[in-house]
């Protein structure tokens, strides 16, 4: 595996020449986890308004960090 820096992002290259920004991957994973957690908890039981607001805030924060990263580094997929 090859690591390089592209547009101030650490990028991983694979044998096919595909580049992937490690920070963007981490932020995507964070967003996926936030969405999954909210979805799974709401399936298990009714959430309180406070819990729902906290989960929605977590998801909005993850989306904002990903959007900011994309805007700053231009490494969208």
Protein backbone atom coordinates (compact mmCIF):
# COMPACT_ATOMS: atom_id res chain seq x y z
CA UNK A 1 0.00 0.00 0.00
CA UNK A 2 1.28 3.42 -0.94
CA UNK A 3 0.66 6.61 1.06
CA UNK A 4 1.13 10.02 -0.52
CA UNK A 5 0.01 13.55 0.26
CA UNK A 6 -2.39 15.13 -2.20
CA UNK A 7 -3.94 18.53 -1.61
CA UNK A 8 -2.85 18.40 2.07
CA UNK A 9 -4.59 15.01 2.60
CA UNK A 10 -2.92 11.70 3.27
CA UNK A 11 -4.01 9.53 0.39
CA UNK A 12 -3.81 5.78 0.09
CA UNK A 13 -3.22 4.24 -3.30
CA UNK A 14 -4.00 0.64 -4.17
CA UNK A 15 -2.68 -1.65 -6.87
CA UNK A 16 -5.33 -0.36 -9.31
CA UNK A 17 -4.09 3.20 -8.95
CA UNK A 18 -7.21 4.33 -7.07
CA UNK A 19 -6.51 7.09 -4.58
CA UNK A 20 -8.48 7.43 -1.37
CA UNK A 21 -8.22 10.24 1.20
CA UNK A 22 -7.80 8.71 4.65
CA UNK A 23 -9.40 11.63 6.48
CA UNK A 24 -12.41 11.56 4.16
CA UNK A 25 -12.77 7.83 4.75
CA UNK A 26 -12.71 8.44 8.51
CA UNK A 27 -15.32 11.20 8.23
CA UNK A 28 -17.55 9.02 6.03
CA UNK A 29 -17.30 6.24 8.61
CA UNK A 30 -18.20 8.69 11.38
CA UNK A 31 -21.29 9.79 9.42
CA UNK A 32 -22.31 6.19 8.71
CA UNK A 33 -21.97 5.30 12.39
CA UNK A 34 -24.04 8.32 13.46
CA UNK A 35 -26.81 7.40 11.01
CA UNK A 36 -26.73 3.72 11.95
CA UNK A 37 -26.83 4.46 15.67
CA UNK A 38 -29.88 6.67 15.31
CA UNK A 39 -31.65 4.20 13.05
CA UNK A 40 -30.89 1.22 15.29
CA UNK A 41 -31.90 2.93 18.52
CA UNK A 42 -35.17 4.18 17.03
CA UNK A 43 -35.98 0.63 15.92
CA UNK A 44 -35.43 -0.69 19.44
CA UNK A 45 -37.59 1.83 21.29
CA UNK A 46 -39.20 5.22 21.17
CA UNK A 47 -36.57 7.88 21.70
CA UNK A 48 -37.07 10.83 23.98
CA UNK A 49 -36.99 14.25 22.33
CA UNK A 50 -33.63 14.87 24.02
CA UNK A 51 -32.17 11.61 22.66
CA UNK A 52 -33.52 12.28 19.17
CA UNK A 53 -32.08 15.81 19.20
CA UNK A 54 -28.69 14.52 20.37
CA UNK A 55 -28.58 11.86 17.64
CA UNK A 56 -29.66 14.34 14.97
CA UNK A 57 -27.03 16.80 16.20
CA UNK A 58 -24.37 14.13 15.99
CA UNK A 59 -25.38 13.32 12.42
CA UNK A 60 -25.50 17.00 11.40
CA UNK A 61 -22.06 17.52 12.93
CA UNK A 62 -20.62 14.57 11.01
CA UNK A 63 -22.18 15.86 7.78
CA UNK A 64 -20.77 19.33 8.39
CA UNK A 65 -17.25 18.01 9.06
CA UNK A 66 -17.36 15.94 5.87
CA UNK A 67 -18.68 18.90 3.85
CA UNK A 68 -15.99 21.19 5.31
CA UNK A 69 -13.28 18.68 4.49
CA UNK A 70 -14.53 18.35 0.92
CA UNK A 71 -14.68 22.12 0.51
CA UNK A 72 -11.20 22.62 1.93
CA UNK A 73 -9.43 19.77 0.18
CA UNK A 74 -11.62 19.00 -2.83
CA UNK A 75 -11.34 15.25 -2.39
CA UNK A 76 -14.97 14.25 -2.98
CA UNK A 77 -15.55 10.92 -4.57
